[in-house]
N, C-alpha and C. Protein backbone atom coordinates (compact mmCIF):
# COMPACT_ATOMS: atom_id res chain seq x y z
N MET A 1 -3.00 -54.03 21.53
CA MET A 1 -3.77 -53.05 20.77
C MET A 1 -5.17 -52.83 21.45
N SER A 2 -5.53 -51.55 21.64
CA SER A 2 -6.86 -51.36 22.28
C SER A 2 -7.92 -51.38 21.25
N ASN A 3 -9.17 -51.40 21.79
CA ASN A 3 -10.33 -51.39 20.92
C ASN A 3 -10.27 -50.08 20.05
N ASN A 4 -9.86 -48.99 20.53
CA ASN A 4 -9.89 -47.77 19.66
C ASN A 4 -8.95 -47.94 18.62
N ASP A 5 -7.76 -48.49 18.90
CA ASP A 5 -6.73 -48.73 17.83
C ASP A 5 -7.27 -49.65 16.66
N ASN A 6 -7.94 -50.69 17.05
CA ASN A 6 -8.54 -51.55 16.19
C ASN A 6 -9.64 -50.96 15.32
N PHE A 7 -10.46 -50.07 15.97
CA PHE A 7 -11.57 -49.28 15.22
C PHE A 7 -10.88 -48.38 14.32
N PHE A 8 -9.85 -47.71 14.72
CA PHE A 8 -9.18 -46.64 13.93
C PHE A 8 -8.67 -47.36 12.68
N GLU A 9 -8.04 -48.57 12.89
CA GLU A 9 -7.44 -49.32 11.71
C GLU A 9 -8.55 -49.60 10.69
N LYS A 10 -9.70 -50.03 11.19
CA LYS A 10 -10.91 -50.31 10.27
C LYS A 10 -11.39 -49.01 9.66
N VAL A 11 -11.32 -47.91 10.25
CA VAL A 11 -11.73 -46.73 9.69
C VAL A 11 -10.73 -46.44 8.57
N TYR A 12 -9.45 -46.55 8.81
CA TYR A 12 -8.35 -46.25 7.86
C TYR A 12 -8.58 -47.15 6.49
N THR A 13 -8.91 -48.46 6.88
CA THR A 13 -9.03 -49.36 5.76
C THR A 13 -10.25 -48.96 4.79
N VAL A 14 -11.35 -48.49 5.46
CA VAL A 14 -12.46 -47.94 4.63
C VAL A 14 -12.13 -46.75 3.93
N ALA A 15 -11.36 -45.77 4.55
CA ALA A 15 -11.02 -44.52 3.94
C ALA A 15 -10.06 -44.60 2.85
N ARG A 16 -9.33 -45.61 2.81
CA ARG A 16 -8.25 -45.99 1.73
C ARG A 16 -9.06 -46.50 0.50
N GLN A 17 -10.37 -46.73 0.65
CA GLN A 17 -11.12 -47.29 -0.40
C GLN A 17 -11.85 -46.25 -1.21
N ILE A 18 -11.92 -45.06 -0.56
CA ILE A 18 -12.59 -43.94 -1.19
C ILE A 18 -11.99 -43.60 -2.52
N PRO A 19 -12.77 -43.62 -3.60
CA PRO A 19 -12.31 -43.35 -4.99
C PRO A 19 -11.81 -41.89 -5.01
N TYR A 20 -10.70 -41.67 -5.89
CA TYR A 20 -10.25 -40.33 -6.30
C TYR A 20 -11.47 -39.55 -6.78
N GLY A 21 -11.62 -38.39 -6.37
CA GLY A 21 -12.65 -37.40 -6.85
C GLY A 21 -14.07 -37.71 -6.18
N ARG A 22 -14.07 -38.44 -5.15
CA ARG A 22 -15.32 -38.79 -4.35
C ARG A 22 -15.09 -38.46 -2.90
N VAL A 23 -16.20 -38.35 -2.16
CA VAL A 23 -16.20 -38.05 -0.72
C VAL A 23 -17.14 -39.06 -0.04
N THR A 24 -16.89 -39.15 1.24
CA THR A 24 -17.91 -39.87 2.10
C THR A 24 -17.93 -39.06 3.40
N SER A 25 -18.82 -39.63 4.25
CA SER A 25 -18.93 -38.88 5.58
C SER A 25 -18.62 -39.79 6.71
N TYR A 26 -18.24 -39.00 7.91
CA TYR A 26 -17.85 -39.73 9.07
C TYR A 26 -18.86 -40.73 9.43
N GLY A 27 -20.24 -40.38 9.40
CA GLY A 27 -21.27 -41.25 9.68
C GLY A 27 -21.48 -42.39 8.81
N ALA A 28 -21.22 -42.27 7.59
CA ALA A 28 -21.18 -43.43 6.56
C ALA A 28 -20.24 -44.40 6.85
N ILE A 29 -19.09 -43.96 7.21
CA ILE A 29 -17.91 -44.95 7.65
C ILE A 29 -18.43 -45.66 8.92
N ALA A 30 -18.93 -44.99 9.90
CA ALA A 30 -19.32 -45.56 11.12
C ALA A 30 -20.36 -46.50 11.01
N LYS A 31 -21.34 -46.11 10.07
CA LYS A 31 -22.52 -47.02 9.95
C LYS A 31 -22.02 -48.26 9.20
N TYR A 32 -21.17 -48.08 8.28
CA TYR A 32 -20.64 -49.31 7.53
C TYR A 32 -19.97 -50.26 8.48
N LEU A 33 -19.28 -49.75 9.44
CA LEU A 33 -18.46 -50.48 10.45
C LEU A 33 -19.28 -51.06 11.56
N GLY A 34 -20.76 -50.81 11.47
CA GLY A 34 -21.59 -51.39 12.44
C GLY A 34 -21.66 -50.51 13.78
N ALA A 35 -21.26 -49.30 13.65
CA ALA A 35 -21.17 -48.48 14.79
C ALA A 35 -21.80 -47.14 14.38
N ALA A 36 -23.05 -47.08 14.00
CA ALA A 36 -23.65 -45.92 13.45
C ALA A 36 -23.60 -44.70 14.32
N ARG A 37 -23.53 -44.85 15.73
CA ARG A 37 -23.35 -43.63 16.57
C ARG A 37 -21.96 -43.18 16.78
N SER A 38 -21.13 -43.67 16.04
CA SER A 38 -19.60 -43.44 16.23
C SER A 38 -18.99 -42.37 15.23
N ALA A 39 -19.72 -41.66 14.69
CA ALA A 39 -19.22 -40.65 13.63
C ALA A 39 -18.08 -39.81 14.29
N ARG A 40 -18.20 -39.33 15.54
CA ARG A 40 -17.17 -38.69 16.12
C ARG A 40 -15.79 -39.46 16.29
N MET A 41 -16.00 -40.68 16.57
CA MET A 41 -14.83 -41.62 16.63
C MET A 41 -14.17 -41.69 15.36
N VAL A 42 -14.92 -41.79 14.22
CA VAL A 42 -14.41 -41.72 12.89
C VAL A 42 -13.63 -40.43 12.71
N GLY A 43 -14.17 -39.34 13.21
CA GLY A 43 -13.47 -38.02 13.09
C GLY A 43 -12.19 -38.17 13.93
N TRP A 44 -12.10 -38.59 15.05
CA TRP A 44 -10.91 -38.69 15.82
C TRP A 44 -9.94 -39.56 15.04
N ALA A 45 -10.29 -40.67 14.52
CA ALA A 45 -9.39 -41.53 13.65
C ALA A 45 -8.86 -40.68 12.48
N MET A 46 -9.64 -39.92 11.88
CA MET A 46 -9.12 -39.12 10.80
C MET A 46 -8.18 -38.07 11.25
N ASN A 47 -8.32 -37.50 12.50
CA ASN A 47 -7.43 -36.60 12.98
C ASN A 47 -6.03 -37.27 13.24
N GLY A 48 -6.08 -38.55 13.61
CA GLY A 48 -4.82 -39.25 13.75
C GLY A 48 -4.24 -39.94 12.67
N SER A 49 -4.76 -39.53 11.47
CA SER A 49 -4.45 -40.49 10.33
C SER A 49 -3.18 -39.89 9.54
N HIS A 50 -2.63 -38.74 9.97
CA HIS A 50 -1.44 -38.32 9.28
C HIS A 50 -0.27 -39.28 9.27
N ASN A 51 0.45 -39.23 8.21
CA ASN A 51 1.51 -40.29 7.92
C ASN A 51 1.04 -41.74 7.86
N LYS A 52 -0.32 -42.02 7.62
CA LYS A 52 -0.72 -43.30 7.52
C LYS A 52 -1.32 -43.60 6.09
N ASP A 53 -0.92 -42.85 5.14
CA ASP A 53 -1.51 -43.03 3.81
C ASP A 53 -3.03 -43.26 3.74
N VAL A 54 -3.65 -42.32 4.38
CA VAL A 54 -5.09 -42.35 4.39
C VAL A 54 -5.58 -40.94 3.81
N PRO A 55 -6.50 -41.00 2.81
CA PRO A 55 -6.95 -39.73 2.15
C PRO A 55 -8.10 -39.20 3.07
N ALA A 56 -7.65 -38.63 4.15
CA ALA A 56 -8.53 -38.11 5.11
C ALA A 56 -9.33 -36.91 4.54
N HIS A 57 -8.66 -36.23 3.54
CA HIS A 57 -9.40 -35.07 2.92
C HIS A 57 -10.74 -35.40 2.20
N ARG A 58 -10.94 -36.70 1.93
CA ARG A 58 -12.14 -37.17 1.32
C ARG A 58 -13.34 -37.53 2.37
N VAL A 59 -13.05 -37.20 3.57
CA VAL A 59 -14.06 -37.60 4.56
C VAL A 59 -14.55 -36.19 5.19
N VAL A 60 -15.84 -36.02 4.99
CA VAL A 60 -16.52 -34.69 5.31
C VAL A 60 -17.69 -34.96 6.19
N ASN A 61 -18.32 -33.97 6.62
CA ASN A 61 -19.63 -34.20 7.48
C ASN A 61 -20.76 -34.71 6.66
N ARG A 62 -21.87 -34.83 7.32
CA ARG A 62 -23.07 -35.48 6.61
C ARG A 62 -23.67 -34.62 5.59
N VAL A 63 -23.43 -33.25 5.57
CA VAL A 63 -23.92 -32.37 4.58
C VAL A 63 -22.86 -31.89 3.75
N GLY A 64 -21.62 -32.38 3.73
CA GLY A 64 -20.64 -32.04 2.85
C GLY A 64 -19.68 -30.98 3.33
N LEU A 65 -19.75 -30.53 4.60
CA LEU A 65 -18.95 -29.46 5.06
C LEU A 65 -17.56 -30.08 5.37
N LEU A 66 -16.55 -29.18 5.17
CA LEU A 66 -15.07 -29.57 5.37
C LEU A 66 -14.83 -29.39 6.89
N THR A 67 -15.49 -30.15 7.82
CA THR A 67 -15.38 -29.88 9.24
C THR A 67 -13.94 -30.31 9.75
N GLY A 68 -13.14 -31.06 9.04
CA GLY A 68 -11.86 -31.51 9.47
C GLY A 68 -10.78 -30.60 8.95
N LYS A 69 -11.11 -29.53 8.32
CA LYS A 69 -10.11 -28.70 7.62
C LYS A 69 -9.08 -28.24 8.43
N HIS A 70 -9.40 -27.92 9.80
CA HIS A 70 -8.41 -27.31 10.57
C HIS A 70 -7.24 -28.28 11.09
N HIS A 71 -7.44 -29.52 10.75
CA HIS A 71 -6.42 -30.63 11.04
C HIS A 71 -5.48 -30.81 9.93
N PHE A 72 -5.59 -29.98 8.88
CA PHE A 72 -4.67 -30.10 7.73
C PHE A 72 -3.68 -28.86 7.79
N ASP A 73 -2.43 -29.05 7.43
CA ASP A 73 -1.42 -27.92 7.35
C ASP A 73 -1.88 -26.90 6.37
N GLY A 74 -1.75 -25.72 6.65
CA GLY A 74 -2.07 -24.68 5.63
C GLY A 74 -3.60 -24.28 5.85
N THR A 75 -4.01 -23.21 5.32
CA THR A 75 -5.38 -22.78 5.54
C THR A 75 -6.44 -23.57 4.78
N ASN A 76 -6.20 -23.85 3.49
CA ASN A 76 -7.22 -24.44 2.65
C ASN A 76 -6.71 -25.69 2.07
N LEU A 77 -5.79 -26.45 2.76
CA LEU A 77 -5.22 -27.61 2.14
C LEU A 77 -6.21 -28.69 1.84
N MET A 78 -7.25 -28.95 2.65
CA MET A 78 -8.20 -29.98 2.45
C MET A 78 -8.92 -29.50 1.25
N GLN A 79 -9.46 -28.33 1.05
CA GLN A 79 -10.17 -27.93 0.00
C GLN A 79 -9.19 -28.02 -1.38
N GLN A 80 -8.10 -27.61 -1.18
CA GLN A 80 -7.23 -27.68 -2.45
C GLN A 80 -7.01 -29.19 -2.87
N LEU A 81 -6.76 -30.09 -1.92
CA LEU A 81 -6.60 -31.54 -2.27
C LEU A 81 -7.94 -32.01 -2.99
N LEU A 82 -9.14 -31.60 -2.51
CA LEU A 82 -10.41 -32.09 -3.06
C LEU A 82 -10.40 -31.34 -4.49
N GLU A 83 -10.25 -30.15 -4.57
CA GLU A 83 -10.33 -29.54 -5.88
C GLU A 83 -9.42 -30.00 -6.91
N ASN A 84 -8.19 -30.50 -6.38
CA ASN A 84 -7.21 -31.07 -7.29
C ASN A 84 -7.74 -32.40 -7.93
N GLU A 85 -8.70 -33.01 -7.24
CA GLU A 85 -9.35 -34.23 -7.71
C GLU A 85 -10.72 -33.98 -8.42
N GLY A 86 -10.91 -32.70 -8.63
CA GLY A 86 -12.17 -32.35 -9.35
C GLY A 86 -13.44 -32.22 -8.54
N VAL A 87 -13.30 -32.16 -7.32
CA VAL A 87 -14.49 -31.91 -6.36
C VAL A 87 -14.58 -30.46 -6.16
N ARG A 88 -15.81 -29.92 -6.50
CA ARG A 88 -15.97 -28.57 -6.34
C ARG A 88 -16.33 -28.20 -4.81
N VAL A 89 -15.69 -27.11 -4.28
CA VAL A 89 -15.92 -26.75 -2.95
C VAL A 89 -16.27 -25.15 -2.91
N LYS A 90 -17.29 -24.80 -2.30
CA LYS A 90 -17.63 -23.39 -2.15
C LYS A 90 -17.96 -23.20 -0.75
N ASP A 91 -17.40 -22.17 -0.04
CA ASP A 91 -17.73 -21.76 1.33
C ASP A 91 -17.52 -22.98 2.21
N HIS A 92 -16.46 -23.78 2.09
CA HIS A 92 -16.14 -24.89 2.91
C HIS A 92 -17.06 -25.91 2.82
N GLN A 93 -17.80 -26.04 1.72
CA GLN A 93 -18.82 -27.13 1.41
C GLN A 93 -18.76 -27.79 0.09
N VAL A 94 -18.77 -29.06 0.03
CA VAL A 94 -18.66 -29.84 -1.24
C VAL A 94 -19.91 -29.48 -2.10
N GLN A 95 -19.74 -29.14 -3.23
CA GLN A 95 -20.91 -28.82 -4.20
C GLN A 95 -21.32 -30.15 -4.91
N ASP A 96 -22.46 -30.26 -5.20
CA ASP A 96 -22.97 -31.42 -5.79
C ASP A 96 -22.77 -32.65 -4.93
N PHE A 97 -22.95 -32.58 -3.64
CA PHE A 97 -22.49 -33.50 -2.67
C PHE A 97 -23.11 -34.88 -2.97
N GLN A 98 -24.38 -34.93 -3.28
CA GLN A 98 -24.96 -36.27 -3.54
C GLN A 98 -24.37 -37.02 -4.86
N LYS A 99 -23.89 -36.11 -5.67
CA LYS A 99 -23.30 -36.69 -6.93
C LYS A 99 -21.91 -37.29 -6.76
N VAL A 100 -21.13 -36.68 -5.84
CA VAL A 100 -19.69 -37.10 -5.54
C VAL A 100 -19.76 -37.97 -4.24
N PHE A 101 -20.75 -38.18 -3.48
CA PHE A 101 -20.89 -38.97 -2.39
C PHE A 101 -20.60 -40.43 -2.58
N TRP A 102 -19.86 -41.07 -1.84
CA TRP A 102 -19.38 -42.48 -2.07
C TRP A 102 -19.89 -43.19 -0.68
N ASP A 103 -20.82 -44.14 -0.83
CA ASP A 103 -21.33 -44.84 0.31
C ASP A 103 -20.68 -46.27 0.50
N PRO A 104 -19.78 -46.28 1.44
CA PRO A 104 -19.09 -47.64 1.64
C PRO A 104 -20.07 -48.73 1.71
N ALA A 105 -21.35 -48.60 2.34
CA ALA A 105 -22.27 -49.60 2.56
C ALA A 105 -22.78 -50.19 1.13
N LYS A 106 -22.74 -49.43 0.24
CA LYS A 106 -23.27 -49.78 -1.13
C LYS A 106 -22.05 -50.30 -2.05
N GLU A 107 -20.85 -49.76 -1.72
CA GLU A 107 -19.69 -49.96 -2.58
C GLU A 107 -18.86 -51.06 -2.03
N LEU A 108 -18.70 -51.44 -0.94
CA LEU A 108 -17.87 -52.37 -0.27
C LEU A 108 -18.57 -53.60 0.14
N ALA A 109 -18.10 -54.80 -0.05
CA ALA A 109 -18.54 -55.98 0.59
C ALA A 109 -18.19 -55.91 2.11
N GLN A 110 -19.23 -56.33 2.95
CA GLN A 110 -18.82 -56.20 4.47
C GLN A 110 -17.61 -56.97 4.83
N ASP A 111 -17.42 -58.14 4.22
CA ASP A 111 -16.36 -58.99 4.54
C ASP A 111 -14.92 -58.44 4.22
N LYS A 112 -14.83 -57.30 3.49
CA LYS A 112 -13.54 -56.78 3.03
C LYS A 112 -12.79 -56.24 4.28
N ILE A 113 -13.45 -55.82 5.27
CA ILE A 113 -12.81 -54.94 6.35
C ILE A 113 -12.56 -55.93 7.46
């Protein structure tokens, strides 16, 4: 297993903890994993998360934009999945972002991953 595979699995473990109806950011996951400058790597992990039971639709950019939406089948699937969970999205951006933002650094014990 390469270092990337190991990092991706850690990303998936964190992403699986994101509660229903909440979102987090690529950077928040990277920071939690001790790799604060690796937000793009988290994005790459999310791109490869299909068929891994990972709620990738709950991971957005640092201001709540659905930047990963083009990796989902269908035009608005990412938005539809979030809206089905009660997250409001307008113009490809999560509304009330701070209210629905889930920070793994505050919510998870570091030894869980």
